[in-house]
Amino acid sequence: MLYGYIIILSLLLILISYSYGRKIGNKEGYYKGISEIPLSLKLSYLQTNECPICNKQQQSNKGGKG
């Protein structure tokens, strides 16, 4: 009987630890994704010379200042 309680308690502890770790991981992943979005938008613009939001083509600035 005692072993049954120990096994159930162990499984419950594992489940709680897993859900808590998953919650922390999702939060960290969300903030990492939010910080990476501006960089990927800039990279997309520089590679294609096209606005990634509205798909408007921009003129290249070859030979000019900047």
C-alpha atoms as a PDB file:
ATOM      1  CA  MET A   1       0.000   0.000   0.000  1.00  0.00           C
ATOM      2  CA  LEU A   2       2.809   2.375   0.901  1.00  0.00           C
ATOM      3  CA  TYR A   3       4.574   1.715  -2.401  1.00  0.00           C
ATOM      4  CA  GLY A   4       1.436   2.660  -4.291  1.00  0.00           C
ATOM      5  CA  TYR A   5       1.314   6.045  -2.559  1.00  0.00           C
ATOM      6  CA  ILE A   6       4.998   6.623  -3.264  1.00  0.00           C
ATOM      7  CA  ILE A   7       4.547   5.802  -6.964  1.00  0.00           C
ATOM      8  CA  ILE A   8       1.471   8.033  -7.276  1.00  0.00           C
ATOM      9  CA  LEU A   9       3.240  10.876  -5.457  1.00  0.00           C
ATOM     10  CA  SER A  10       6.315  10.482  -7.670  1.00  0.00           C
ATOM     11  CA  LEU A  11       4.250  10.560 -10.848  1.00  0.00           C
ATOM     12  CA  LEU A  12       2.358  13.606  -9.606  1.00  0.00           C
ATOM     13  CA  LEU A  13       5.630  15.370  -8.797  1.00  0.00           C
ATOM     14  CA  ILE A  14       6.992  14.564 -12.286  1.00  0.00           C
ATOM     15  CA  LEU A  15       3.813  15.895 -13.899  1.00  0.00           C
ATOM     16  CA  ILE A  16       3.939  19.140 -11.908  1.00  0.00           C
ATOM     17  CA  SER A  17       7.651  19.612 -12.701  1.00  0.00           C
ATOM     18  CA  TYR A  18       7.052  18.983 -16.408  1.00  0.00           C
ATOM     19  CA  SER A  19       4.183  21.467 -16.629  1.00  0.00           C
ATOM     20  CA  TYR A  20       6.117  24.132 -14.721  1.00  0.00           C
ATOM     21  CA  GLY A  21       9.191  23.674 -16.945  1.00  0.00           C
ATOM     22  CA  ARG A  22       7.058  23.817 -20.078  1.00  0.00           C
ATOM     23  CA  LYS A  23       5.456  27.054 -18.902  1.00  0.00           C
ATOM     24  CA  ILE A  24       8.863  28.634 -18.289  1.00  0.00           C
ATOM     25  CA  GLY A  25      10.161  27.401 -21.653  1.00  0.00           C
ATOM     26  CA  ASN A  26       7.190  28.818 -23.529  1.00  0.00           C
ATOM     27  CA  LYS A  27       7.652  32.193 -21.851  1.00  0.00           C
ATOM     28  CA  GLU A  28      11.375  32.285 -22.713  1.00  0.00           C
ATOM     29  CA  GLY A  29      10.663  31.241 -26.304  1.00  0.00           C
ATOM     30  CA  TYR A  30       8.036  33.945 -26.677  1.00  0.00           C
ATOM     31  CA  TYR A  31      10.397  36.693 -25.544  1.00  0.00           C
ATOM     32  CA  LYS A  32      13.200  35.345 -27.736  1.00  0.00           C
ATOM     33  CA  GLY A  33      10.859  35.357 -30.738  1.00  0.00           C
ATOM     34  CA  ILE A  34       9.681  38.900 -30.014  1.00  0.00           C
ATOM     35  CA  SER A  35      13.276  40.137 -29.879  1.00  0.00           C
ATOM     36  CA  GLU A  36      14.158  38.346 -33.133  1.00  0.00           C
ATOM     37  CA  ILE A  37      11.277  39.649 -35.287  1.00  0.00           C
ATOM     38  CA  PRO A  38      12.737  43.129 -35.985  1.00  0.00           C
ATOM     39  CA  LEU A  39      16.031  41.575 -37.053  1.00  0.00           C
ATOM     40  CA  SER A  40      14.366  39.159 -39.465  1.00  0.00           C
ATOM     41  CA  LEU A  41      12.261  41.963 -40.971  1.00  0.00           C
ATOM     42  CA  LYS A  42      15.359  44.089 -41.554  1.00  0.00           C
ATOM     43  CA  LEU A  43      17.206  41.148 -43.055  1.00  0.00           C
ATOM     44  CA  SER A  44      14.292  40.393 -45.372  1.00  0.00           C
ATOM     45  CA  TYR A  45      14.196  44.025 -46.498  1.00  0.00           C
ATOM     46  CA  LEU A  46      17.926  44.172 -47.145  1.00  0.00           C
ATOM     47  CA  GLN A  47      17.961  40.924 -49.121  1.00  0.00           C
ATOM     48  CA  THR A  48      14.983  41.614 -51.383  1.00  0.00           C
ATOM     49  CA  ASN A  49      14.831  45.442 -51.311  1.00  0.00           C
ATOM     50  CA  GLU A  50      11.104  45.027 -50.743  1.00  0.00           C
ATOM     51  CA  CYS A  51       9.045  45.947 -47.687  1.00  0.00           C
ATOM     52  CA  PRO A  52       8.173  42.670 -45.892  1.00  0.00           C
ATOM     53  CA  ILE A  53       4.963  44.185 -44.496  1.00  0.00           C
ATOM     54  CA  CYS A  54       3.332  45.826 -47.523  1.00  0.00           C
ATOM     55  CA  ASN A  55       5.414  44.242 -50.355  1.00  0.00           C
ATOM     56  CA  LYS A  56       6.179  47.661 -51.816  1.00  0.00           C
ATOM     57  CA  GLN A  57       9.312  47.688 -53.954  1.00  0.00           C
ATOM     58  CA  GLN A  58      11.936  50.241 -52.911  1.00  0.00           C
ATOM     59  CA  GLN A  59      14.518  51.846 -55.151  1.00  0.00           C
ATOM     60  CA  SER A  60      18.054  50.814 -54.435  1.00  0.00           C
ATOM     61  CA  ASN A  61      20.429  53.508 -53.271  1.00  0.00           C
ATOM     62  CA  LYS A  62      23.502  52.545 -55.291  1.00  0.00           C
ATOM     63  CA  GLY A  63      26.109  55.223 -55.627  1.00  0.00           C
ATOM     64  CA  GLY A  64      24.333  57.672 -53.343  1.00  0.00           C
ATOM     65  CA  LYS A  65      25.022  58.693 -49.804  1.00  0.00           C
ATOM     66  CA  GLY A  66      24.150  56.293 -47.059  1.00  0.00           C
END
